[in-house]
PDB file of N, CA and C in Angstrom:
ATOM      1  N   MET A   1      -9.059  -3.124  -8.694  1.00  0.00           N
ATOM      2  CA  MET A   1      -8.909  -3.339  -7.809  1.00  0.00           C
ATOM      3  C   MET A   1      -8.504  -2.652  -7.273  1.00  0.00           C
ATOM      4  N   LEU A   2      -6.335  -2.604  -7.020  1.00  0.00           N
ATOM      5  CA  LEU A   2      -6.080  -1.445  -6.526  1.00  0.00           C
ATOM      6  C   LEU A   2      -6.130  -0.017  -6.418  1.00  0.00           C
ATOM      7  N   LEU A   3      -6.496   0.291  -8.094  1.00  0.00           N
ATOM      8  CA  LEU A   3      -7.511   1.685  -8.115  1.00  0.00           C
ATOM      9  C   LEU A   3      -8.177   2.098  -7.545  1.00  0.00           C
ATOM     10  N   ASP A   4      -9.339   0.665  -8.109  1.00  0.00           N
ATOM     11  CA  ASP A   4     -10.681   0.622  -7.876  1.00  0.00           C
ATOM     12  C   ASP A   4     -11.345   0.623  -5.972  1.00  0.00           C
ATOM     13  N   GLU A   5     -10.129   0.605  -4.783  1.00  0.00           N
ATOM     14  CA  GLU A   5     -10.970  -0.100  -3.707  1.00  0.00           C
ATOM     15  C   GLU A   5      -9.171   0.700  -2.717  1.00  0.00           C
ATOM     16  N   PRO A   6      -8.718   2.301  -3.477  1.00  0.00           N
ATOM     17  CA  PRO A   6      -7.141   1.921  -2.528  1.00  0.00           C
ATOM     18  C   PRO A   6      -7.364   2.173  -1.373  1.00  0.00           C
ATOM     19  N   ASP A   7      -8.885   2.158   0.469  1.00  0.00           N
ATOM     20  CA  ASP A   7      -8.708   1.615   1.686  1.00  0.00           C
ATOM     21  C   ASP A   7      -8.048   0.095   1.585  1.00  0.00           C
ATOM     22  N   ARG A   8      -8.327  -0.360   0.337  1.00  0.00           N
ATOM     23  CA  ARG A   8      -8.017  -2.337   1.023  1.00  0.00           C
ATOM     24  C   ARG A   8      -7.177  -3.132   0.962  1.00  0.00           C
ATOM     25  N   SER A   9      -6.315  -3.035   1.951  1.00  0.00           N
ATOM     26  CA  SER A   9      -5.362  -3.342   2.184  1.00  0.00           C
ATOM     27  C   SER A   9      -4.215  -4.044   1.220  1.00  0.00           C
ATOM     28  N   ILE A  10      -3.408  -4.220   0.273  1.00  0.00           N
ATOM     29  CA  ILE A  10      -3.188  -4.911  -0.515  1.00  0.00           C
ATOM     30  C   ILE A  10      -2.184  -6.426  -0.698  1.00  0.00           C
ATOM     31  N   LEU A  11      -2.590  -7.279   0.526  1.00  0.00           N
ATOM     32  CA  LEU A  11      -3.181  -8.560   1.026  1.00  0.00           C
ATOM     33  C   LEU A  11      -4.364  -8.774   0.593  1.00  0.00           C
ATOM     34  N   SER A  12      -4.934  -8.093   1.356  1.00  0.00           N
ATOM     35  CA  SER A  12      -6.309  -8.927   1.468  1.00  0.00           C
ATOM     36  C   SER A  12      -6.392  -9.008  -0.490  1.00  0.00           C
ATOM     37  N   ILE A  13      -6.130  -7.552  -0.957  1.00  0.00           N
ATOM     38  CA  ILE A  13      -6.013  -7.666  -2.950  1.00  0.00           C
ATOM     39  C   ILE A  13      -5.942  -9.272  -2.798  1.00  0.00           C
ATOM     40  N   GLY A  14      -4.887  -9.269  -2.670  1.00  0.00           N
ATOM     41  CA  GLY A  14      -3.674 -10.919  -4.148  1.00  0.00           C
ATOM     42  C   GLY A  14      -4.674 -11.835  -2.524  1.00  0.00           C
ATOM     43  N   MET A  15      -5.300 -12.195  -2.066  1.00  0.00           N
ATOM     44  CA  MET A  15      -5.642 -13.365  -1.337  1.00  0.00           C
ATOM     45  C   MET A  15      -7.650 -13.323  -1.955  1.00  0.00           C
ATOM     46  N   VAL A  16      -7.560 -11.932  -2.091  1.00  0.00           N
ATOM     47  CA  VAL A  16      -8.964 -12.375  -3.808  1.00  0.00           C
ATOM     48  C   VAL A  16      -8.597 -12.783  -4.298  1.00  0.00           C
ATOM     49  N   VAL A  17      -7.913 -12.153  -5.202  1.00  0.00           N
ATOM     50  CA  VAL A  17      -7.570 -12.718  -6.388  1.00  0.00           C
ATOM     51  C   VAL A  17      -7.052 -13.303  -6.209  1.00  0.00           C
ATOM     52  N   GLY A  18      -6.313 -14.423  -5.868  1.00  0.00           N
ATOM     53  CA  GLY A  18      -5.284 -16.209  -5.718  1.00  0.00           C
ATOM     54  C   GLY A  18      -4.364 -16.037  -5.292  1.00  0.00           C
ATOM     55  N   PHE A  19      -3.461 -15.369  -5.016  1.00  0.00           N
ATOM     56  CA  PHE A  19      -2.159 -15.591  -3.742  1.00  0.00           C
ATOM     57  C   PHE A  19      -2.885 -16.252  -2.278  1.00  0.00           C
ATOM     58  N   SER A  20      -1.496 -16.842  -2.832  1.00  0.00           N
ATOM     59  CA  SER A  20      -2.150 -17.524  -0.477  1.00  0.00           C
ATOM     60  C   SER A  20      -1.093 -16.152   0.301  1.00  0.00           C
ATOM     61  N   SER A  21       0.240 -15.877  -0.426  1.00  0.00           N
ATOM     62  CA  SER A  21       1.185 -14.896   0.441  1.00  0.00           C
ATOM     63  C   SER A  21       1.383 -13.400   0.275  1.00  0.00           C
ATOM     64  N   SER A  22       0.331 -12.942   0.844  1.00  0.00           N
ATOM     65  CA  SER A  22       1.941 -11.104   0.149  1.00  0.00           C
ATOM     66  C   SER A  22       2.741 -10.827  -1.384  1.00  0.00           C
ATOM     67  N   SER A  23       3.253 -11.958  -0.189  1.00  0.00           N
ATOM     68  CA  SER A  23       5.010 -12.429  -0.917  1.00  0.00           C
ATOM     69  C   SER A  23       4.876 -13.251  -2.355  1.00  0.00           C
ATOM     70  N   ALA A  24       4.093 -13.830  -2.430  1.00  0.00           N
ATOM     71  CA  ALA A  24       3.767 -14.394  -3.830  1.00  0.00           C
ATOM     72  C   ALA A  24       3.341 -12.682  -4.977  1.00  0.00           C
ATOM     73  N   PHE A  25       2.160 -12.264  -3.920  1.00  0.00           N
ATOM     74  CA  PHE A  25       1.377 -11.233  -4.913  1.00  0.00           C
ATOM     75  C   PHE A  25       2.041 -10.172  -5.074  1.00  0.00           C
ATOM     76  N   HIS A  26       2.924  -9.847  -4.538  1.00  0.00           N
ATOM     77  CA  HIS A  26       4.319  -9.062  -4.692  1.00  0.00           C
ATOM     78  C   HIS A  26       5.285  -8.801  -6.114  1.00  0.00           C
ATOM     79  N   ARG A  27       5.413 -10.990  -5.985  1.00  0.00           N
ATOM     80  CA  ARG A  27       6.988 -11.165  -7.067  1.00  0.00           C
ATOM     81  C   ARG A  27       5.938 -10.789  -8.026  1.00  0.00           C
ATOM     82  N   ALA A  28       4.362 -11.464  -8.391  1.00  0.00           N
ATOM     83  CA  ALA A  28       4.301 -12.215  -9.614  1.00  0.00           C
ATOM     84  C   ALA A  28       3.397 -10.436  -9.877  1.00  0.00           C
ATOM     85  N   PHE A  29       3.066 -10.126  -9.515  1.00  0.00           N
ATOM     86  CA  PHE A  29       2.868  -8.207  -9.621  1.00  0.00           C
ATOM     87  C   PHE A  29       3.958  -7.074  -9.753  1.00  0.00           C
ATOM     88  N   LEU A  30       4.812  -7.223  -9.649  1.00  0.00           N
ATOM     89  CA  LEU A  30       6.330  -6.829 -10.178  1.00  0.00           C
ATOM     90  C   LEU A  30       6.898  -7.470 -11.195  1.00  0.00           C
ATOM     91  N   LYS A  31       6.778  -8.865 -11.059  1.00  0.00           N
ATOM     92  CA  LYS A  31       6.957  -9.121 -12.573  1.00  0.00           C
ATOM     93  C   LYS A  31       6.189  -8.755 -13.701  1.00  0.00           C
ATOM     94  N   GLU A  32       5.182  -8.480 -13.560  1.00  0.00           N
ATOM     95  CA  GLU A  32       3.428  -8.168 -15.121  1.00  0.00           C
ATOM     96  C   GLU A  32       4.684  -6.597 -14.818  1.00  0.00           C
ATOM     97  N   VAL A  33       3.806  -6.721 -14.553  1.00  0.00           N
ATOM     98  CA  VAL A  33       3.424  -4.120 -14.192  1.00  0.00           C
ATOM     99  C   VAL A  33       5.318  -3.372 -14.191  1.00  0.00           C
ATOM    100  N   LYS A  34       6.446  -4.379 -13.609  1.00  0.00           N
ATOM    101  CA  LYS A  34       7.655  -3.774 -13.166  1.00  0.00           C
ATOM    102  C   LYS A  34       7.772  -3.018 -12.112  1.00  0.00           C
ATOM    103  N   LYS A  35       6.369  -2.712 -11.609  1.00  0.00           N
ATOM    104  CA  LYS A  35       6.698  -2.263  -9.913  1.00  0.00           C
ATOM    105  C   LYS A  35       6.463  -2.683  -9.493  1.00  0.00           C
ATOM    106  N   SER A  36       5.876  -2.755  -7.446  1.00  0.00           N
ATOM    107  CA  SER A  36       5.785  -2.862  -7.086  1.00  0.00           C
ATOM    108  C   SER A  36       4.065  -2.710  -6.912  1.00  0.00           C
ATOM    109  N   PRO A  37       3.040  -3.212  -6.224  1.00  0.00           N
ATOM    110  CA  PRO A  37       1.682  -2.914  -5.722  1.00  0.00           C
ATOM    111  C   PRO A  37       2.223  -1.330  -5.456  1.00  0.00           C
ATOM    112  N   LYS A  38       2.026  -1.406  -3.791  1.00  0.00           N
ATOM    113  CA  LYS A  38       2.353   0.447  -3.944  1.00  0.00           C
ATOM    114  C   LYS A  38       2.532   1.534  -4.586  1.00  0.00           C
ATOM    115  N   ALA A  39       3.964   1.455  -5.448  1.00  0.00           N
ATOM    116  CA  ALA A  39       4.225   1.870  -6.583  1.00  0.00           C
ATOM    117  C   ALA A  39       2.994   2.737  -7.184  1.00  0.00           C
ATOM    118  N   PHE A  40       3.014   1.349  -7.692  1.00  0.00           N
ATOM    119  CA  PHE A  40       1.511   1.778  -8.634  1.00  0.00           C
ATOM    120  C   PHE A  40       0.188   2.467  -8.480  1.00  0.00           C
ATOM    121  N   ARG A  41      -0.109   1.948  -7.121  1.00  0.00           N
ATOM    122  CA  ARG A  41      -1.033   3.054  -6.490  1.00  0.00           C
ATOM    123  C   ARG A  41      -0.270   4.066  -6.278  1.00  0.00           C
ATOM    124  N   GLU A  42       0.569   3.957  -6.049  1.00  0.00           N
ATOM    125  CA  GLU A  42       1.300   6.011  -5.762  1.00  0.00           C
ATOM    126  C   GLU A  42       1.167   6.645  -6.987  1.00  0.00           C
ATOM    127  N   GLU A  43       1.544   6.156  -7.877  1.00  0.00           N
ATOM    128  CA  GLU A  43       1.498   6.614  -9.492  1.00  0.00           C
ATOM    129  C   GLU A  43       0.008   6.829 -10.065  1.00  0.00           C
ATOM    130  N   ASN A  44      -0.703   6.192  -9.884  1.00  0.00           N
ATOM    131  CA  ASN A  44      -1.453   6.323 -10.516  1.00  0.00           C
ATOM    132  C   ASN A  44      -3.263   6.544  -9.509  1.00  0.00           C
ATOM    133  N   LEU A  45      -2.490   7.216  -7.861  1.00  0.00           N
ATOM    134  CA  LEU A  45      -3.748   8.001  -7.934  1.00  0.00           C
ATOM    135  C   LEU A  45      -3.212   9.155  -6.653  1.00  0.00           C
ATOM    136  N   PRO A  46      -2.862   9.848  -6.835  1.00  0.00           N
ATOM    137  CA  PRO A  46      -2.085  10.992  -7.122  1.00  0.00           C
ATOM    138  C   PRO A  46      -2.422  11.469  -5.675  1.00  0.00           C
ATOM    139  N   ASN A  47      -3.342  11.238  -4.916  1.00  0.00           N
ATOM    140  CA  ASN A  47      -3.479  11.633  -2.961  1.00  0.00           C
ATOM    141  C   ASN A  47      -3.396  10.212  -2.699  1.00  0.00           C
ATOM    142  N   TYR A  48      -2.827   9.402  -3.229  1.00  0.00           N
ATOM    143  CA  TYR A  48      -3.134   7.908  -2.491  1.00  0.00           C
ATOM    144  C   TYR A  48      -2.259   7.980  -1.401  1.00  0.00           C
ATOM    145  N   LYS A  49      -2.217   7.804  -0.121  1.00  0.00           N
ATOM    146  CA  LYS A  49      -1.429   7.549   1.377  1.00  0.00           C
ATOM    147  C   LYS A  49      -1.322   6.319   2.142  1.00  0.00           C
ATOM    148  N   SER A  50      -0.927   4.879   1.782  1.00  0.00           N
ATOM    149  CA  SER A  50      -1.204   4.159   2.194  1.00  0.00           C
ATOM    150  C   SER A  50      -1.115   3.559   3.963  1.00  0.00           C
ATOM    151  N   LYS A  51      -1.427   2.753   4.118  1.00  0.00           N
ATOM    152  CA  LYS A  51      -1.545   3.301   5.849  1.00  0.00           C
ATOM    153  C   LYS A  51      -0.359   2.680   6.541  1.00  0.00           C
ATOM    154  N   GLU A  52       0.261   2.737   6.638  1.00  0.00           N
ATOM    155  CA  GLU A  52       1.509   2.567   6.834  1.00  0.00           C
ATOM    156  C   GLU A  52       1.740   3.773   6.381  1.00  0.00           C
ATOM    157  N   ASP A  53       1.982   5.084   5.329  1.00  0.00           N
ATOM    158  CA  ASP A  53       2.526   6.318   5.221  1.00  0.00           C
ATOM    159  C   ASP A  53       1.538   6.845   6.382  1.00  0.00           C
ATOM    160  N   LYS A  54       0.359   6.802   6.352  1.00  0.00           N
ATOM    161  CA  LYS A  54      -0.695   7.615   6.730  1.00  0.00           C
ATOM    162  C   LYS A  54      -0.158   7.163   8.761  1.00  0.00           C
ATOM    163  N   MET A  55       0.007   6.075   9.537  1.00  0.00           N
ATOM    164  CA  MET A  55       0.671   5.803  10.028  1.00  0.00           C
ATOM    165  C   MET A  55       2.120   6.633  10.769  1.00  0.00           C
ATOM    166  N   GLY A  56       2.838   6.799  10.564  1.00  0.00           N
ATOM    167  CA  GLY A  56       4.075   7.371  10.263  1.00  0.00           C
ATOM    168  C   GLY A  56       3.685   8.773  10.435  1.00  0.00           C
ATOM    169  N   ASN A  57       3.260   9.571  10.096  1.00  0.00           N
ATOM    170  CA  ASN A  57       2.847  11.106   9.794  1.00  0.00           C
ATOM    171  C   ASN A  57       1.924  11.000  11.320  1.00  0.00           C
ATOM    172  N   LEU A  58       1.633  10.025  11.245  1.00  0.00           N
ATOM    173  CA  LEU A  58       0.791  10.163  13.008  1.00  0.00           C
ATOM    174  C   LEU A  58       1.641  10.247  13.697  1.00  0.00           C
ATOM    175  N   SER A  59       2.702   8.700  13.562  1.00  0.00           N
ATOM    176  CA  SER A  59       3.452   8.793  15.290  1.00  0.00           C
ATOM    177  C   SER A  59       4.383  10.253  15.003  1.00  0.00           C
ATOM    178  N   SER A  60       4.653  10.357  14.010  1.00  0.00           N
ATOM    179  CA  SER A  60       5.998  11.918  13.508  1.00  0.00           C
ATOM    180  C   SER A  60       5.164  12.992  15.040  1.00  0.00           C
ATOM    181  N   SER A  61       3.903  13.188  14.210  1.00  0.00           N
ATOM    182  CA  SER A  61       2.980  14.583  14.536  1.00  0.00           C
ATOM    183  C   SER A  61       3.491  14.430  15.957  1.00  0.00           C
ATOM    184  N   THR A  62       2.508  13.382  16.763  1.00  0.00           N
ATOM    185  CA  THR A  62       2.734  12.745  17.591  1.00  0.00           C
ATOM    186  C   THR A  62       3.514  12.705  18.421  1.00  0.00           C
ATOM    187  N   ARG A  63       5.000  11.876  17.718  1.00  0.00           N
ATOM    188  CA  ARG A  63       5.764  12.632  19.195  1.00  0.00           C
ATOM    189  C   ARG A  63       6.666  13.783  19.195  1.00  0.00           C
ATOM    190  N   TYR A  64       6.062  15.143  17.841  1.00  0.00           N
ATOM    191  CA  TYR A  64       6.322  16.351  18.267  1.00  0.00           C
ATOM    192  C   TYR A  64       5.478  16.867  18.514  1.00  0.00           C
ATOM    193  N   SER A  65       3.924  17.085  18.895  1.00  0.00           N
ATOM    194  CA  SER A  65       4.021  17.429  19.985  1.00  0.00           C
ATOM    195  C   SER A  65       3.399  17.006  21.381  1.00  0.00           C
ATOM    196  N   HIS A  66       4.481  15.972  21.610  1.00  0.00           N
ATOM    197  CA  HIS A  66       4.623  15.584  22.790  1.00  0.00           C
ATOM    198  C   HIS A  66       5.996  16.200  23.327  1.00  0.00           C
ATOM    199  N   SER A  67       7.361  16.608  22.470  1.00  0.00           N
ATOM    200  CA  SER A  67       7.901  17.048  22.807  1.00  0.00           C
ATOM    201  C   SER A  67       7.729  18.626  22.474  1.00  0.00           C
ATOM    202  N   ILE A  68       6.508  19.260  22.243  1.00  0.00           N
ATOM    203  CA  ILE A  68       6.502  20.573  22.936  1.00  0.00           C
ATOM    204  C   ILE A  68       6.630  21.003  24.123  1.00  0.00           C
TER     205      ILE A  68
END
């Protein structure tokens, strides 16, 4: 699901597969796969950018354009 639905949040996927919180999903995923869900996505989807990454890039460019 992490790879099949890259636009779906990790929290949403954790809930769908039965975890009660994102931290519980993260801990279980880390224990099984030995990396975080985000790291797993980044390594297996070369062009993947998380929503946080996209927002960070947007706000950086917005700050830059306002300072010109």
